[in-house]
Protein backbone atom coordinates (compact mmCIF):
# COMPACT_ATOMS: atom_id res chain seq x y z
CA MET A 1 -5.31 -43.87 -15.79
CA SER A 2 -5.26 -40.04 -15.81
CA SER A 3 -3.37 -38.00 -18.41
CA ALA A 4 -1.07 -36.81 -15.63
CA ALA A 5 -0.18 -40.42 -14.86
CA GLN A 6 0.46 -41.14 -18.52
CA SER A 7 2.74 -38.10 -18.75
CA LEU A 8 5.02 -39.37 -15.99
CA PRO A 9 8.23 -40.77 -17.50
CA ARG A 10 8.86 -44.48 -17.19
CA ARG A 11 12.53 -45.23 -16.63
CA ALA A 12 14.11 -48.63 -16.78
CA PRO A 13 16.67 -49.24 -14.06
CA GLY A 14 20.32 -49.45 -14.94
CA ALA A 15 23.41 -47.44 -15.69
CA ALA A 16 22.07 -46.15 -19.02
CA SER A 17 18.91 -44.82 -17.37
CA LEU A 18 20.93 -43.16 -14.60
CA ALA A 19 23.22 -41.48 -17.14
CA ALA A 20 20.24 -40.25 -19.16
CA GLU A 21 18.68 -38.80 -16.01
CA ARG A 22 21.86 -36.96 -15.04
CA ALA A 23 22.70 -35.66 -18.52
CA PRO A 24 20.42 -32.56 -18.36
CA LEU A 25 21.85 -31.66 -14.95
CA VAL A 26 25.41 -31.91 -16.28
CA VAL A 27 24.56 -29.69 -19.25
CA LEU A 28 22.84 -27.12 -17.04
CA GLY A 29 25.72 -27.22 -14.57
CA VAL A 30 28.19 -26.47 -17.35
CA MET A 31 25.98 -23.61 -18.56
CA LEU A 32 25.86 -22.15 -15.06
CA LEU A 33 29.63 -22.46 -14.63
CA GLY A 34 30.23 -20.76 -17.98
CA THR A 35 27.88 -17.93 -17.04
CA VAL A 36 29.70 -17.47 -13.72
CA VAL A 37 33.04 -17.18 -15.53
CA VAL A 38 31.67 -14.60 -17.97
CA CYS A 39 30.15 -12.57 -15.12
CA LEU A 40 33.49 -12.60 -13.27
CA CYS A 41 35.33 -11.29 -16.34
CA VAL A 42 32.89 -8.76 -17.81
CA GLY A 43 32.00 -5.40 -16.29
CA ALA A 44 33.05 -1.78 -15.94
CA VAL A 45 36.51 -3.13 -15.04
CA PRO A 46 37.27 -5.96 -17.49
CA VAL A 47 39.37 -8.79 -16.05
CA ALA A 48 41.01 -11.50 -18.15
CA PRO A 49 40.06 -15.13 -17.39
CA GLY A 50 43.66 -15.90 -16.35
CA GLN A 51 43.61 -13.02 -13.90
CA VAL A 52 40.28 -14.21 -12.50
CA ALA A 53 41.75 -17.66 -11.91
CA ALA A 54 44.85 -16.16 -10.29
CA VAL A 55 42.81 -13.93 -7.98
CA LEU A 56 40.58 -16.79 -6.86
CA ALA A 57 43.57 -19.10 -6.38
CA SER A 58 45.43 -16.48 -4.35
CA ALA A 59 42.46 -16.28 -1.97
CA ILE A 60 43.17 -19.89 -0.93
CA GLY A 61 46.95 -19.51 -0.92
CA VAL A 62 47.75 -20.88 -4.39
CA GLU A 63 49.94 -18.90 -6.78
CA LEU A 64 49.24 -18.96 -10.54
CA PRO A 65 51.42 -17.41 -13.28
CA TRP A 66 48.96 -14.66 -14.32
CA ALA A 67 49.71 -11.24 -12.86
CA PHE A 68 46.96 -9.08 -11.35
CA GLY A 69 46.75 -5.84 -9.44
CA GLU A 70 45.02 -4.76 -6.28
CA ARG A 71 42.14 -3.32 -8.28
CA GLU A 72 41.42 -6.64 -10.01
CA ALA A 73 41.54 -8.50 -6.69
CA LEU A 74 39.14 -6.02 -5.08
CA VAL A 75 36.69 -6.17 -7.99
CA ILE A 76 36.64 -9.97 -8.13
CA LEU A 77 36.66 -10.85 -4.43
CA GLN A 78 34.64 -8.01 -2.89
CA ILE A 79 32.24 -6.94 -5.64
CA ARG A 80 31.62 -9.59 -8.28
CA ALA A 81 32.03 -12.81 -6.27
CA PRO A 82 29.37 -12.01 -3.62
CA ARG A 83 27.09 -10.60 -6.31
CA ILE A 84 27.40 -13.76 -8.40
CA LEU A 85 26.81 -16.00 -5.39
CA LEU A 86 23.71 -13.97 -4.57
CA GLY A 87 22.51 -14.27 -8.17
CA VAL A 88 22.95 -18.06 -8.19
CA LEU A 89 21.16 -18.48 -4.85
CA VAL A 90 18.31 -16.09 -5.62
CA GLY A 91 17.81 -17.34 -9.18
CA GLY A 92 17.84 -20.94 -8.02
CA GLY A 93 15.57 -20.12 -5.08
CA LEU A 94 12.98 -18.34 -7.21
CA ALA A 95 13.04 -21.10 -9.83
CA VAL A 96 12.68 -24.01 -7.40
CA SER A 97 10.01 -22.08 -5.49
CA GLY A 98 8.05 -21.72 -8.72
CA ALA A 99 8.56 -25.40 -9.57
CA LEU A 100 7.27 -26.43 -6.13
CA MET A 101 4.15 -24.30 -6.43
CA GLN A 102 3.50 -25.53 -9.97
CA GLY A 103 3.74 -29.11 -8.74
CA LEU A 104 1.42 -28.43 -5.80
CA PHE A 105 -1.23 -26.66 -7.90
CA ARG A 106 -0.59 -28.89 -10.93
CA ASN A 107 -0.53 -25.71 -12.98
CA PRO A 108 2.50 -24.39 -14.93
CA LEU A 109 1.34 -20.80 -14.37
CA ALA A 110 1.65 -20.97 -10.58
CA ASP A 111 4.39 -19.18 -8.65
CA PRO A 112 4.91 -18.06 -5.02
CA GLY A 113 3.19 -14.75 -5.75
CA LEU A 114 -0.03 -16.68 -6.23
CA VAL A 115 -0.37 -17.23 -2.48
CA GLY A 116 0.69 -13.75 -1.38
CA ALA A 117 4.45 -13.99 -0.89
CA SER A 118 5.37 -11.11 -3.19
CA SER A 119 2.46 -8.83 -2.32
CA GLY A 120 2.91 -9.42 1.42
CA ALA A 121 6.61 -8.60 1.15
CA ALA A 122 5.85 -5.44 -0.82
CA LEU A 123 3.27 -4.28 1.73
CA ALA A 124 5.64 -4.86 4.66
CA ALA A 125 8.55 -3.15 2.90
CA LEU A 126 6.51 -0.07 2.00
CA THR A 127 5.04 0.08 5.51
CA LEU A 128 8.56 0.22 6.92
CA LEU A 129 9.64 2.89 4.42
CA VAL A 130 6.61 5.14 5.02
CA ILE A 131 5.83 4.84 8.73
CA GLY A 132 8.62 2.69 10.18
CA GLY A 133 11.39 5.31 10.20
CA PRO A 134 11.21 6.07 13.95
CA LEU A 135 11.33 2.36 14.76
CA VAL A 136 14.36 1.77 12.51
CA ALA A 137 16.16 4.66 14.19
CA LEU A 138 15.92 2.83 17.52
CA LEU A 139 17.56 -0.34 16.20
CA PRO A 140 21.30 -1.05 16.48
CA GLY A 141 23.39 -0.56 13.35
CA PRO A 142 23.34 -4.11 11.87
CA LEU A 143 19.61 -4.54 12.45
CA ALA A 144 18.82 -1.09 11.09
CA GLY A 145 20.71 -1.89 7.90
CA ALA A 146 18.81 -5.14 7.49
CA ALA A 147 15.41 -3.76 8.55
CA LEU A 148 13.97 -3.59 5.02
CA SER A 149 15.05 -7.15 4.24
CA LEU A 150 13.66 -8.44 7.53
CA ALA A 151 10.36 -6.61 6.98
CA ALA A 152 10.00 -8.02 3.45
CA PHE A 153 10.76 -11.56 4.60
CA GLY A 154 8.35 -11.28 7.53
CA GLY A 155 5.58 -9.76 5.43
CA GLY A 156 5.79 -12.39 2.71
CA THR A 157 5.93 -15.22 5.24
CA LEU A 158 3.00 -13.86 7.26
CA ALA A 159 0.86 -13.50 4.13
CA VAL A 160 1.46 -17.13 3.14
CA ILE A 161 0.78 -18.35 6.70
CA ILE A 162 -2.58 -16.55 6.70
CA VAL A 163 -3.48 -18.04 3.32
CA TYR A 164 -2.42 -21.50 4.49
CA ARG A 165 -4.53 -21.22 7.65
CA PHE A 166 -7.61 -20.24 5.68
CA ALA A 167 -7.07 -23.18 3.32
CA THR A 168 -6.53 -25.77 6.10
CA ASN A 169 -9.52 -27.28 7.85
CA GLY A 170 -9.68 -30.49 9.84
CA GLY A 171 -6.03 -31.20 9.25
CA ARG A 172 -6.36 -31.06 5.45
CA THR A 173 -5.32 -28.28 3.10
CA SER A 174 -7.51 -27.52 0.09
CA VAL A 175 -5.45 -26.40 -2.87
CA THR A 176 -8.49 -24.69 -4.42
CA THR A 177 -9.20 -22.74 -1.23
CA MET A 178 -5.55 -21.79 -1.01
CA LEU A 179 -5.68 -20.39 -4.54
CA LEU A 180 -8.80 -18.35 -3.79
CA SER A 181 -7.37 -17.16 -0.47
CA GLY A 182 -4.18 -16.14 -2.26
CA ILE A 183 -6.18 -14.04 -4.71
CA ALA A 184 -7.94 -12.30 -1.82
CA MET A 185 -4.64 -11.76 0.01
CA ASN A 186 -3.04 -10.25 -3.08
CA ALA A 187 -5.98 -7.88 -3.51
CA LEU A 188 -5.84 -6.86 0.16
CA ALA A 189 -2.07 -6.28 0.03
CA ALA A 190 -2.45 -4.28 -3.18
CA ALA A 191 -5.01 -2.06 -1.45
CA GLY A 192 -2.61 -1.53 1.44
CA VAL A 193 0.23 -0.67 -0.94
CA GLY A 194 -2.05 1.77 -2.74
CA MET A 195 -2.95 3.51 0.50
CA LEU A 196 0.70 3.81 1.55
CA VAL A 197 1.68 5.12 -1.87
CA PHE A 198 -1.01 7.75 -1.50
CA ILE A 199 0.45 9.05 1.79
CA SER A 200 4.16 8.58 0.96
CA ASN A 201 6.52 11.36 -0.07
CA ASP A 202 8.66 11.42 -3.20
CA ALA A 203 11.77 9.96 -1.54
CA GLN A 204 9.84 7.06 0.02
CA LEU A 205 8.05 6.34 -3.23
CA ARG A 206 11.33 6.35 -5.15
CA ASP A 207 12.96 3.97 -2.67
CA PHE A 208 10.03 1.58 -2.88
CA THR A 209 9.93 1.72 -6.67
CA PHE A 210 13.60 0.76 -7.01
CA TRP A 211 13.25 -1.96 -4.37
CA SER A 212 10.22 -3.43 -6.11
CA LEU A 213 12.15 -3.68 -9.40
CA GLY A 214 14.87 -5.82 -7.82
CA SER A 215 18.66 -5.58 -7.88
CA LEU A 216 21.74 -7.61 -7.00
CA GLY A 217 23.79 -4.43 -6.54
CA GLY A 218 25.48 -3.37 -3.34
CA VAL A 219 25.74 -6.88 -1.90
CA THR A 220 28.65 -7.71 0.39
CA TRP A 221 29.73 -10.92 2.09
CA SER A 222 28.32 -9.72 5.39
CA ARG A 223 25.00 -8.70 3.83
CA LEU A 224 24.45 -12.19 2.43
CA GLY A 225 24.25 -13.50 6.00
CA ALA A 226 21.16 -15.33 7.15
CA GLY A 227 19.34 -14.86 3.85
CA ALA A 228 21.94 -16.94 2.02
CA LEU A 229 21.72 -19.64 4.70
CA LEU A 230 17.94 -19.83 4.31
CA LEU A 231 18.27 -20.07 0.55
CA CYS A 232 20.86 -22.83 0.84
CA LEU A 233 18.54 -24.73 3.18
CA GLY A 234 15.64 -24.45 0.76
CA LEU A 235 17.75 -25.41 -2.26
CA ALA A 236 19.10 -28.47 -0.45
CA LEU A 237 15.72 -29.75 0.78
CA ALA A 238 13.45 -28.99 -2.19
CA PRO A 239 14.74 -31.77 -4.52
CA LEU A 240 13.89 -34.32 -1.82
CA LEU A 241 10.19 -33.73 -2.58
CA GLY A 242 10.50 -34.91 -6.19
CA ARG A 243 8.96 -38.36 -5.71
CA SER A 244 6.07 -37.00 -3.63
CA LEU A 245 5.25 -34.31 -6.19
CA ASN A 246 5.33 -36.93 -8.95
CA ALA A 247 2.73 -38.91 -7.02
CA LEU A 248 0.57 -35.81 -6.53
CA LEU A 249 0.38 -35.46 -10.32
CA LEU A 250 -1.82 -38.57 -10.23
CA GLY A 251 -4.22 -36.98 -7.74
CA GLU A 252 -4.35 -36.87 -3.95
CA VAL A 253 -6.25 -40.15 -3.56
CA GLU A 254 -3.83 -42.05 -5.78
CA ALA A 255 -0.87 -40.47 -3.97
CA ARG A 256 -2.21 -41.70 -0.62
CA HIS A 257 -2.57 -45.20 -2.05
CA LEU A 258 1.08 -45.03 -3.05
CA GLY A 259 2.02 -44.30 0.55
CA ILE A 260 2.71 -40.56 0.12
CA PRO A 261 1.90 -38.42 3.20
CA VAL A 262 -0.14 -35.91 1.20
CA GLN A 263 -0.82 -33.34 3.92
CA ARG A 264 2.78 -33.34 5.11
CA THR A 265 3.96 -33.00 1.51
CA LYS A 266 1.70 -29.99 0.98
CA ALA A 267 2.98 -28.37 4.16
CA MET A 268 6.60 -28.98 3.17
CA VAL A 269 6.05 -27.59 -0.33
CA ILE A 270 4.47 -24.43 1.06
CA PHE A 271 7.16 -24.08 3.73
CA LEU A 272 10.11 -24.49 1.34
CA SER A 273 8.54 -22.35 -1.37
CA THR A 274 7.88 -19.56 1.12
CA LEU A 275 11.33 -19.92 2.65
CA THR A 276 13.20 -19.63 -0.65
CA ALA A 277 10.98 -16.97 -2.21
CA GLY A 278 10.87 -14.92 0.99
CA ALA A 279 14.64 -15.01 1.46
CA ALA A 280 15.17 -14.11 -2.20
CA ILE A 281 12.80 -11.13 -2.03
CA ALA A 282 14.36 -9.98 1.22
CA LEU A 283 17.84 -9.92 -0.33
CA THR A 284 17.09 -8.46 -3.75
CA GLY A 285 13.57 -7.04 -3.86
CA ILE A 286 10.91 -8.42 -6.20
CA ILE A 287 12.30 -10.09 -9.34
CA GLY A 288 9.64 -11.44 -11.64
CA PHE A 289 9.47 -14.15 -14.28
CA VAL A 290 12.38 -16.33 -13.15
CA GLY A 291 10.15 -18.48 -10.96
CA LEU A 292 7.69 -18.93 -13.83
CA VAL A 293 9.95 -19.32 -16.86
CA ALA A 294 12.78 -21.50 -15.54
CA PRO A 295 10.71 -24.53 -14.40
CA HIS A 296 8.45 -24.19 -17.43
CA LEU A 297 11.41 -24.36 -19.81
CA ILE A 298 12.77 -27.39 -17.99
CA ARG A 299 9.39 -29.09 -18.15
CA LEU A 300 9.14 -28.49 -21.89
CA ALA A 301 12.68 -29.76 -22.46
CA ILE A 302 12.89 -32.88 -20.27
CA GLY A 303 9.38 -33.60 -19.01
CA PRO A 304 7.48 -33.33 -15.71
CA ASP A 305 9.55 -35.70 -13.54
CA HIS A 306 10.17 -33.60 -10.42
CA ARG A 307 13.18 -35.70 -9.45
CA VAL A 308 14.99 -33.99 -12.32
CA LEU A 309 12.80 -30.90 -12.68
CA LEU A 310 13.59 -29.47 -9.24
CA PRO A 311 17.42 -29.59 -9.36
CA ALA A 312 17.40 -28.61 -13.03
CA SER A 313 15.23 -25.58 -12.24
CA ILE A 314 17.76 -24.48 -9.61
CA LEU A 315 20.61 -24.59 -12.13
CA LEU A 316 18.66 -22.86 -14.92
CA GLY A 317 17.25 -20.24 -12.54
CA GLY A 318 20.75 -19.29 -11.44
CA THR A 319 21.92 -19.10 -15.05
CA LEU A 320 18.98 -16.94 -16.14
CA LEU A 321 19.31 -14.48 -13.27
CA LEU A 322 23.08 -14.12 -13.69
CA SER A 323 22.58 -13.49 -17.41
CA ALA A 324 19.93 -10.87 -16.70
CA ASP A 325 22.19 -9.22 -14.12
CA LEU A 326 25.05 -9.13 -16.64
CA VAL A 327 22.80 -7.24 -19.04
CA ALA A 328 21.53 -4.95 -16.25
CA ARG A 329 25.01 -3.83 -15.20
CA THR A 330 26.56 -3.49 -18.67
CA VAL A 331 23.87 -2.20 -21.04
CA ALA A 332 23.81 1.28 -19.46
CA SER A 333 27.26 1.27 -17.82
CA PRO A 334 28.32 2.94 -15.57
CA ALA A 335 24.67 3.18 -14.49
CA GLU A 336 22.86 -0.01 -13.49
CA MET A 337 19.39 -0.96 -14.67
CA PRO A 338 17.05 -2.69 -12.18
CA ILE A 339 17.19 -6.40 -12.89
CA GLY A 340 13.41 -6.81 -12.76
CA ILE A 341 13.14 -4.69 -15.90
CA VAL A 342 15.57 -6.97 -17.73
CA THR A 343 13.86 -10.21 -16.67
CA ALA A 344 10.47 -8.86 -17.78
CA PHE A 345 11.71 -7.42 -21.10
CA ILE A 346 13.55 -10.61 -22.03
CA GLY A 347 11.46 -13.23 -20.27
CA ALA A 348 7.96 -12.21 -21.30
CA PRO A 349 8.50 -12.04 -25.10
CA PHE A 350 10.59 -15.20 -25.06
CA PHE A 351 7.93 -17.01 -23.06
CA LEU A 352 5.20 -15.93 -25.48
CA TRP A 353 7.34 -16.91 -28.47
CA LEU A 354 8.01 -20.32 -26.96
CA LEU A 355 4.32 -20.96 -26.35
CA SER A 356 3.38 -19.84 -29.87
CA ARG A 357 5.87 -22.32 -31.38
CA ASP A 358 4.42 -25.31 -29.53
CA PRO A 359 0.65 -25.02 -29.13
CA ALA A 360 0.35 -28.80 -28.63
CA GLY A 361 2.83 -28.76 -25.76
CA ARG A 362 1.07 -25.74 -24.30
CA ALA A 363 -2.24 -27.59 -24.32
CA GLN A 364 -0.72 -30.57 -22.55
CA LEU A 365 0.63 -28.34 -19.79
């Protein structure tokens, strides 16, 4: 039996096993809820927890004894609530997208950027900023406002589709060919970005730089729109692939013997990973490290069982991104730091420290 097979957890049926399986999800859910509460209270306009509860209750017609003003209601309902929802969805989407790709490639260093999602989105976004101005001017107001998000989503999706087509032959997708095609796609997109940077002006370059660093700022309920729906769809469907990804850890031949539709599983993993990562990038720009760190931390803490790993990654990804956003909007208040800077500054050293503390665990992964 392979080492991957030996690493799969063996659970005895029963209530005790079910409780043990759910315990990490309960802990992570409580962590996420606590982070949401802190993010609702803390900011340039501090709001007491009682006032937060009263504002949220008043939105559904329930009166609580804590008094609040119009300013507190506006800050909570129109600024922080949509921003927090976006952070939870994007953080969870990036994390589960990374977990899916790591399961497909059987490599803890994989993420959606490996197959061109991030670089394709960046190329499409910069193309729109540099040469797409006349086209945007012809669009109606709502579409013009969402043009950059739509371009990023389309560019990332198209890049992954091209990589997938190159890797699929005779109805079967080669993971190795997909990896190599992704490297080529990233190099090609980087060359395109470099060319557009060369011909762009200062304003276009500045816009692209801030977009590429990522931000949850400026979100409204209407702006969430279709992107939030796509993220919700991906977050709901991804955990259903847990059993199939567990079987793939044994190898493709063994997974087929277990009755797993390997090719369909690969296609679903790529589809859901692209859907969630593309929607996240479209809404916030490129935010690094969440998709790599969150599933890796979960794997180190509770093991490689994707039935738990996928939903746990969603919860931890949302918590990590909300925490990073809290730092981004408070450390230099009233200015706001791009969230990609925070995730890199905090995530990279912590990730290196974690690996240095557990060389044996690193070797197993």
